[in-house]
């Protein structure tokens, strides 16, 4: 399995998606500094989960499977490996990239905060980034699967729109637990202390309560397991039709 993951990462070595994983956090930080000055941390974390992370996940996940789709899955069919292991390897490779990108955002934002002004503590920033990482996991296999039915560009556009619209509309609603796209923006409120629209959350707001964080995280992770299992089964069936 490690060999499959390594192989998938090597395939992305010179791709735009891999560059995006590294440069997206840096671009986020630069834009936030130019627009917000000493309040760079508030803006960076807000821009990250609301505007930057959705296209990063969408583009990386869609690119991972569109290469195989262009060849009619022939590159996979020729391998003496079970299709479910290949799907797991592809998913794991994007999971690693998602983790790395969030860590880079946290490291750079924390470092700049010490130079300007610390508005989000290093611990809160790390917890928030890890929560984003975990609550975005379900989108990876979901986007990869959608590419097979909708194509590359429609999948990326739909994914970005769903993230931005539903997180803005549903993250502060009572029913946010029923909308997987809204959970990331809501679950980081106690740590980033900023609304989805970029305005700092007022002191005493119920959004700062951490009581809903664990239930929301558990729901998101369970949903990720269901999506991955369903995508694994569908991909395996699709693979056998090429044999």
Protein backbone atom coordinates (compact mmCIF):
# COMPACT_ATOMS: atom_id res chain seq x y z
CA UNK A 1 0.00 0.00 0.00
CA UNK A 2 2.83 2.39 0.80
CA UNK A 3 4.23 1.72 -2.66
CA UNK A 4 0.91 2.67 -4.26
CA UNK A 5 0.72 5.90 -2.26
CA UNK A 6 4.33 6.75 -3.14
CA UNK A 7 3.60 6.04 -6.79
CA UNK A 8 0.57 8.33 -6.79
CA UNK A 9 2.54 11.13 -5.19
CA UNK A 10 5.34 10.70 -7.72
CA UNK A 11 2.82 11.02 -10.54
CA UNK A 12 1.95 14.47 -9.20
CA UNK A 13 5.57 15.55 -8.94
CA UNK A 14 5.45 18.13 -11.75
CA UNK A 15 1.73 18.90 -11.71
CA UNK A 16 -0.06 22.14 -10.91
CA UNK A 17 -1.94 20.38 -8.10
CA UNK A 18 1.23 19.64 -6.16
CA UNK A 19 2.43 23.22 -6.58
CA UNK A 20 -0.96 24.40 -5.39
CA UNK A 21 -0.59 22.50 -2.12
CA UNK A 22 2.54 24.52 -1.31
CA UNK A 23 1.76 27.90 -2.84
CA UNK A 24 -1.90 28.20 -1.78
CA UNK A 25 -1.04 28.75 1.93
CA UNK A 26 1.63 31.30 0.99
CA UNK A 27 -0.71 33.18 -1.35
CA UNK A 28 -3.37 33.17 1.38
CA UNK A 29 -0.92 34.67 3.84
CA UNK A 30 0.31 37.32 1.38
CA UNK A 31 -3.20 38.44 0.45
CA UNK A 32 -4.22 38.57 4.10
CA UNK A 33 -1.23 40.69 5.01
CA UNK A 34 -1.83 43.11 2.15
CA UNK A 35 -5.52 43.47 2.99
CA UNK A 36 -5.49 43.30 6.79
CA UNK A 37 -2.04 44.36 7.98
CA UNK A 38 -1.48 43.42 11.63
CA UNK A 39 -4.72 41.39 11.68
CA UNK A 40 -3.24 39.01 9.15
CA UNK A 41 -4.07 35.90 11.18
CA UNK A 42 -7.82 36.59 11.27
CA UNK A 43 -7.89 37.13 7.53
CA UNK A 44 -5.56 34.25 6.67
CA UNK A 45 -7.55 31.62 8.52
CA UNK A 46 -10.85 33.02 7.21
CA UNK A 47 -9.68 33.19 3.60
CA UNK A 48 -8.21 29.72 3.93
CA UNK A 49 -11.33 27.75 4.81
CA UNK A 50 -13.78 29.96 2.94
CA UNK A 51 -12.02 30.81 -0.35
CA UNK A 52 -8.74 28.93 -0.79
CA UNK A 53 -9.05 25.45 0.66
CA UNK A 54 -12.18 24.44 -1.34
CA UNK A 55 -10.49 24.87 -4.76
CA UNK A 56 -7.28 23.26 -3.47
CA UNK A 57 -9.17 20.12 -2.41
CA UNK A 58 -11.33 20.12 -5.54
CA UNK A 59 -8.45 20.56 -7.99
CA UNK A 60 -6.16 18.02 -6.32
CA UNK A 61 -8.86 15.37 -5.95
CA UNK A 62 -10.25 15.83 -9.45
CA UNK A 63 -6.78 15.80 -11.01
CA UNK A 64 -5.97 12.54 -9.26
CA UNK A 65 -8.67 10.60 -11.13
CA UNK A 66 -9.04 12.57 -14.37
CA UNK A 67 -5.65 11.27 -15.57
CA UNK A 68 -6.94 7.72 -15.36
CA UNK A 69 -10.26 8.64 -16.96
CA UNK A 70 -8.52 10.06 -20.04
CA UNK A 71 -6.96 6.65 -20.72
CA UNK A 72 -10.16 4.72 -20.04
CA UNK A 73 -8.63 3.37 -16.82
CA UNK A 74 -6.19 1.30 -18.93
CA UNK A 75 -3.23 2.30 -16.74
CA UNK A 76 -5.03 0.77 -13.78
CA UNK A 77 -6.36 -2.32 -15.55
CA UNK A 78 -2.82 -3.37 -16.49
CA UNK A 79 -1.65 -3.35 -12.89
CA UNK A 80 -1.64 -6.63 -10.91
CA UNK A 81 -3.27 -4.85 -7.99
CA UNK A 82 -6.84 -4.91 -6.74
CA UNK A 83 -8.90 -1.89 -7.69
CA UNK A 84 -9.89 -1.15 -4.11
CA UNK A 85 -6.22 -0.86 -3.13
CA UNK A 86 -5.60 1.57 -5.98
CA UNK A 87 -8.56 3.71 -4.91
CA UNK A 88 -7.35 3.63 -1.32
CA UNK A 89 -3.86 4.65 -2.44
CA UNK A 90 -5.15 7.55 -4.51
CA UNK A 91 -7.34 8.75 -1.66
CA UNK A 92 -4.50 8.44 0.85
CA UNK A 93 -2.18 10.46 -1.39
CA UNK A 94 -4.62 13.38 -1.47
CA UNK A 95 -5.19 13.05 2.28
CA UNK A 96 -1.45 13.50 2.80
CA UNK A 97 -1.40 16.58 0.57
CA UNK A 98 -4.39 18.05 2.41
CA UNK A 99 -2.63 17.52 5.72
CA UNK A 100 0.61 19.10 4.46
CA UNK A 101 -1.21 22.12 3.06
CA UNK A 102 -3.01 22.80 6.34
CA UNK A 103 0.21 22.42 8.32
CA UNK A 104 1.99 24.87 6.01
CA UNK A 105 -0.83 27.37 6.46
CA UNK A 106 -0.61 27.03 10.24
CA UNK A 107 3.19 27.31 10.36
CA UNK A 108 3.36 30.37 8.12
CA UNK A 109 0.41 32.14 9.76
CA UNK A 110 1.75 31.48 13.25
CA UNK A 111 5.20 32.77 12.29
CA UNK A 112 3.81 35.96 10.75
CA UNK A 113 1.59 36.49 13.78
CA UNK A 114 4.62 36.84 16.03
CA UNK A 115 5.98 39.53 13.70
CA UNK A 116 2.69 41.45 13.42
CA UNK A 117 0.07 40.65 16.04
CA UNK A 118 -1.03 37.34 17.55
CA UNK A 119 -4.82 37.31 17.17
CA UNK A 120 -5.06 33.50 17.11
CA UNK A 121 -2.87 31.52 19.50
CA UNK A 122 -0.58 28.87 17.99
CA UNK A 123 -2.53 26.09 19.73
CA UNK A 124 -5.91 27.38 18.53
CA UNK A 125 -4.51 27.76 15.03
CA UNK A 126 -3.20 24.19 15.02
CA UNK A 127 -6.46 22.74 16.35
CA UNK A 128 -8.45 24.73 13.80
CA UNK A 129 -6.30 23.57 10.89
CA UNK A 130 -6.48 19.95 12.02
CA UNK A 131 -10.26 20.21 12.30
CA UNK A 132 -10.40 21.56 8.76
CA UNK A 133 -8.23 18.68 7.62
CA UNK A 134 -10.51 16.11 9.24
CA UNK A 135 -13.82 17.66 8.17
CA UNK A 136 -12.69 17.94 4.54
CA UNK A 137 -11.72 14.27 4.28
CA UNK A 138 -15.10 13.14 2.94
CA UNK A 139 -14.81 15.49 -0.03
CA UNK A 140 -11.74 13.72 -1.44
CA UNK A 141 -13.37 10.42 -2.50
CA UNK A 142 -16.61 12.25 -3.28
CA UNK A 143 -14.92 14.60 -5.75
CA UNK A 144 -12.89 11.77 -7.28
CA UNK A 145 -16.10 9.83 -7.84
CA UNK A 146 -17.96 12.83 -9.27
CA UNK A 147 -15.29 13.29 -11.93
CA UNK A 148 -16.35 9.97 -13.45
CA UNK A 149 -19.91 11.22 -13.90
CA UNK A 150 -19.58 14.99 -14.43
CA UNK A 151 -16.11 15.56 -15.81
CA UNK A 152 -13.24 17.63 -14.45
CA UNK A 153 -14.37 21.26 -14.77
CA UNK A 154 -18.04 20.77 -13.74
CA UNK A 155 -16.93 18.79 -10.68
CA UNK A 156 -14.45 21.45 -9.59
CA UNK A 157 -16.97 24.27 -10.08
CA UNK A 158 -19.78 22.45 -8.28
CA UNK A 159 -17.49 21.55 -5.38
CA UNK A 160 -16.22 25.11 -4.96
CA UNK A 161 -19.70 26.60 -5.18
CA UNK A 162 -21.15 24.12 -2.68
CA UNK A 163 -18.37 24.82 -0.18
CA UNK A 164 -18.59 28.59 -0.38
CA UNK A 165 -22.37 28.94 -0.55
CA UNK A 166 -23.33 26.29 2.00
CA UNK A 167 -20.61 27.29 4.46
CA UNK A 168 -21.72 30.92 4.28
CA UNK A 169 -25.42 30.09 4.60
CA UNK A 170 -25.36 27.09 6.92
CA UNK A 171 -22.33 27.41 9.18
CA UNK A 172 -24.13 29.56 11.76
CA UNK A 173 -27.55 27.95 11.35
CA UNK A 174 -28.99 25.51 13.89
CA UNK A 175 -29.13 22.80 11.23
CA UNK A 176 -25.44 22.98 10.28
CA UNK A 177 -24.85 19.40 11.49
CA UNK A 178 -27.02 18.15 8.63
CA UNK A 179 -24.90 19.92 5.98
CA UNK A 180 -21.38 18.43 5.66
CA UNK A 181 -20.21 21.47 3.69
CA UNK A 182 -21.17 23.77 6.58
CA UNK A 183 -19.44 21.83 9.34
CA UNK A 184 -15.83 23.00 8.67
CA UNK A 185 -16.69 26.72 8.86
CA UNK A 186 -18.69 26.21 12.06
CA UNK A 187 -16.36 23.84 13.86
CA UNK A 188 -13.41 26.25 13.71
CA UNK A 189 -15.30 29.23 15.17
CA UNK A 190 -14.11 28.66 18.78
CA UNK A 191 -10.50 28.56 17.57
CA UNK A 192 -10.25 31.10 14.75
CA UNK A 193 -12.85 33.38 16.37
CA UNK A 194 -14.05 34.80 13.07
CA UNK A 195 -17.32 34.62 11.14
CA UNK A 196 -17.40 33.19 7.63
CA UNK A 197 -17.73 36.77 6.35
CA UNK A 198 -14.43 37.71 7.98
CA UNK A 199 -15.81 39.69 10.93
CA UNK A 200 -14.38 38.73 14.35
CA UNK A 201 -16.87 36.88 16.54
CA UNK A 202 -18.13 39.03 19.39
CA UNK A 203 -17.28 38.05 22.96
CA UNK A 204 -19.92 35.85 24.58
CA UNK A 205 -21.26 34.54 21.26
CA UNK A 206 -22.54 30.93 21.36
CA UNK A 207 -20.32 30.31 18.33
CA UNK A 208 -17.34 30.40 20.69
CA UNK A 209 -18.69 27.47 22.69
CA UNK A 210 -16.83 24.26 22.00
CA UNK A 211 -19.65 21.96 23.04
CA UNK A 212 -20.64 21.13 19.48
CA UNK A 213 -17.11 20.56 18.17
CA UNK A 214 -16.76 16.87 19.03
CA UNK A 215 -20.28 15.85 17.84
CA UNK A 216 -19.76 17.76 14.58
CA UNK A 217 -16.36 16.14 14.08
CA UNK A 218 -17.76 12.66 14.71
CA UNK A 219 -20.59 13.23 12.23
CA UNK A 220 -18.16 14.46 9.60
CA UNK A 221 -15.81 11.50 10.10
CA UNK A 222 -18.66 9.00 9.95
CA UNK A 223 -19.87 10.64 6.76
CA UNK A 224 -16.33 10.41 5.38
CA UNK A 225 -16.27 6.68 6.10
CA UNK A 226 -19.61 6.16 4.35
CA UNK A 227 -18.56 8.19 1.30
CA UNK A 228 -15.24 6.39 1.06
CA UNK A 229 -16.86 2.95 1.37
CA UNK A 230 -19.47 3.75 -1.28
CA UNK A 231 -16.89 5.23 -3.65
CA UNK A 232 -14.65 2.20 -3.12
CA UNK A 233 -17.45 -0.17 -4.10
CA UNK A 234 -18.46 1.89 -7.13
CA UNK A 235 -14.87 2.24 -8.32
CA UNK A 236 -14.24 -1.49 -7.92
CA UNK A 237 -17.32 -2.33 -9.98
CA UNK A 238 -16.31 0.19 -12.62
CA UNK A 239 -12.85 -1.32 -12.73
CA UNK A 240 -14.09 -4.84 -13.33
CA UNK A 241 -16.00 -3.74 -16.39
CA UNK A 242 -12.64 -3.03 -18.07
CA UNK A 243 -11.17 -6.42 -17.40
